[in-house]
Protein backbone atom coordinates (compact mmCIF):
# COMPACT_ATOMS: atom_id res chain seq x y z
CA UNK A 1 0.00 0.00 0.00
CA UNK A 2 1.38 3.39 -1.01
CA UNK A 3 1.11 5.98 1.76
CA UNK A 4 1.35 9.74 1.41
CA UNK A 5 3.17 10.97 4.56
CA UNK A 6 2.25 14.65 4.06
CA UNK A 7 -1.46 13.91 3.68
CA UNK A 8 -1.26 11.57 6.68
CA UNK A 9 0.24 14.34 8.82
CA UNK A 10 -2.38 16.88 7.75
CA UNK A 11 -5.24 14.42 8.35
CA UNK A 12 -3.90 13.68 11.83
CA UNK A 13 -3.80 17.42 12.58
CA UNK A 14 -7.32 17.94 11.20
CA UNK A 15 -8.77 14.97 13.14
CA UNK A 16 -7.07 16.02 16.38
CA UNK A 17 -8.51 19.51 15.96
CA UNK A 18 -12.00 18.13 15.43
CA UNK A 19 -11.90 16.27 18.77
CA UNK A 20 -10.22 19.23 20.53
CA UNK A 21 -6.91 17.55 21.36
CA UNK A 22 -4.09 19.89 22.32
CA UNK A 23 -1.27 17.85 20.78
CA UNK A 24 -0.81 15.28 18.06
CA UNK A 25 2.24 13.19 17.18
CA UNK A 26 3.40 12.22 13.70
CA UNK A 27 6.41 10.24 12.48
CA UNK A 28 9.50 12.37 11.85
CA UNK A 29 10.74 13.47 8.42
CA UNK A 30 12.67 16.51 7.22
CA UNK A 31 9.93 17.65 4.83
CA UNK A 32 7.39 17.57 7.67
CA UNK A 33 9.70 19.77 9.77
CA UNK A 34 9.88 22.26 6.88
CA UNK A 35 6.10 22.26 6.45
CA UNK A 36 5.49 22.65 10.20
CA UNK A 37 7.96 25.55 10.32
CA UNK A 38 5.91 27.43 7.73
CA UNK A 39 2.63 26.56 9.49
CA UNK A 40 4.03 27.84 12.79
CA UNK A 41 5.33 31.04 11.18
CA UNK A 42 1.93 31.67 9.58
CA UNK A 43 0.02 31.00 12.83
CA UNK A 44 -1.72 27.73 12.00
CA UNK A 45 -0.06 25.77 14.83
CA UNK A 46 1.36 26.85 18.19
CA UNK A 47 4.60 24.85 18.20
CA UNK A 48 6.22 21.52 17.39
CA UNK A 49 9.12 19.59 18.92
CA UNK A 50 11.09 16.54 17.88
CA UNK A 51 11.30 13.68 20.38
CA UNK A 52 12.69 10.17 20.41
CA UNK A 53 15.85 8.76 18.87
CA UNK A 54 16.73 6.90 15.70
CA UNK A 55 13.85 5.20 13.92
CA UNK A 56 11.43 6.07 16.74
CA UNK A 57 11.66 9.86 16.22
CA UNK A 58 8.32 11.68 16.23
CA UNK A 59 7.14 15.24 15.94
CA UNK A 60 4.84 16.47 18.72
CA UNK A 61 2.61 19.22 17.32
CA UNK A 62 0.79 21.66 19.62
CA UNK A 63 -2.41 22.77 17.89
CA UNK A 64 -3.70 26.34 17.85
CA UNK A 65 -7.28 27.12 18.83
CA UNK A 66 -9.24 30.36 18.55
CA UNK A 67 -11.22 31.89 21.42
CA UNK A 68 -14.44 30.27 20.12
CA UNK A 69 -12.81 26.82 20.48
CA UNK A 70 -12.30 26.11 16.78
CA UNK A 71 -9.01 24.79 15.48
CA UNK A 72 -6.92 26.99 13.19
CA UNK A 73 -6.68 24.18 10.61
CA UNK A 74 -10.25 23.21 9.75
CA UNK A 75 -9.71 21.72 6.33
CA UNK A 76 -7.00 21.19 3.77
CA UNK A 77 -6.83 20.10 0.15
CA UNK A 78 -3.92 17.96 -1.04
CA UNK A 79 -3.20 19.26 -4.55
CA UNK A 80 -0.09 17.40 -5.69
CA UNK A 81 -0.45 13.71 -4.94
CA UNK A 82 1.83 10.74 -5.35
CA UNK A 83 -0.19 9.61 -8.35
CA UNK A 84 -0.47 13.03 -10.01
CA UNK A 85 2.10 15.76 -9.39
CA UNK A 86 0.99 19.39 -9.90
CA UNK A 87 3.54 22.08 -10.72
CA UNK A 88 3.13 25.81 -11.16
CA UNK A 89 5.30 28.52 -12.69
CA UNK A 90 5.99 31.74 -10.80
CA UNK A 91 3.97 33.85 -13.23
CA UNK A 92 0.95 31.50 -12.81
CA UNK A 93 0.73 32.01 -9.02
CA UNK A 94 -2.36 34.02 -8.08
CA UNK A 95 -3.86 35.16 -4.77
CA UNK A 96 -5.47 32.15 -3.14
CA UNK A 97 -8.84 32.44 -1.40
CA UNK A 98 -8.69 36.26 -1.38
CA UNK A 99 -5.67 36.15 0.92
CA UNK A 100 -7.44 34.19 3.69
CA UNK A 101 -5.88 30.82 2.96
CA UNK A 102 -2.46 29.32 2.55
CA UNK A 103 -0.90 27.29 -0.24
CA UNK A 104 2.45 25.63 0.31
CA UNK A 105 4.81 25.23 -2.63
CA UNK A 106 7.95 23.14 -2.72
CA UNK A 107 10.51 25.26 -4.59
CA UNK A 108 14.24 24.84 -5.27
CA UNK A 109 14.82 27.24 -2.32
CA UNK A 110 12.69 25.16 0.07
CA UNK A 111 9.05 24.96 1.12
CA UNK A 112 7.29 28.31 1.28
CA UNK A 113 3.88 29.91 0.96
CA UNK A 114 2.70 30.89 -2.49
CA UNK A 115 3.00 34.66 -2.07
CA UNK A 116 6.60 34.34 -0.95
CA UNK A 117 7.40 32.12 -3.97
CA UNK A 118 5.81 34.69 -6.28
CA UNK A 119 7.93 37.50 -4.77
CA UNK A 120 11.08 35.45 -5.32
CA UNK A 121 9.96 34.45 -8.86
CA UNK A 122 10.05 30.75 -8.02
CA UNK A 123 7.75 28.02 -9.23
CA UNK A 124 7.46 24.50 -7.95
CA UNK A 125 5.21 21.70 -6.79
CA UNK A 126 1.98 22.78 -5.08
CA UNK A 127 1.78 20.59 -1.97
CA UNK A 128 -1.56 21.54 -0.41
CA UNK A 129 -3.84 24.41 0.53
CA UNK A 130 -5.43 25.28 3.86
CA UNK A 131 -8.73 27.12 4.07
């Protein structure tokens, strides 16, 4: 069975938010650390820490909730999948969801949000969007 680790991480975050958990743990990988760094910088999660050693390393993610009790990450849409990769050129990047959402793009300079990639004139693979 082919597993998509990025989609798995985002689904774990979404499900934990729906049942009001404060933390969720996911298996460690470098790309997940890069994605979580952007999500923390943009205010979608509170924090994350790496724990464990060797093969048993995990990332503990502290979720962010608003004053009304709703989780900051309500839904996401995986755009580029293992079966069908989606790429975008810098000049094709447009404002997503009137500026109220976030799209993450994997560029040659690392993972970044779409507006930052447009400023740097970088294209890449569109990983997912958060509404």
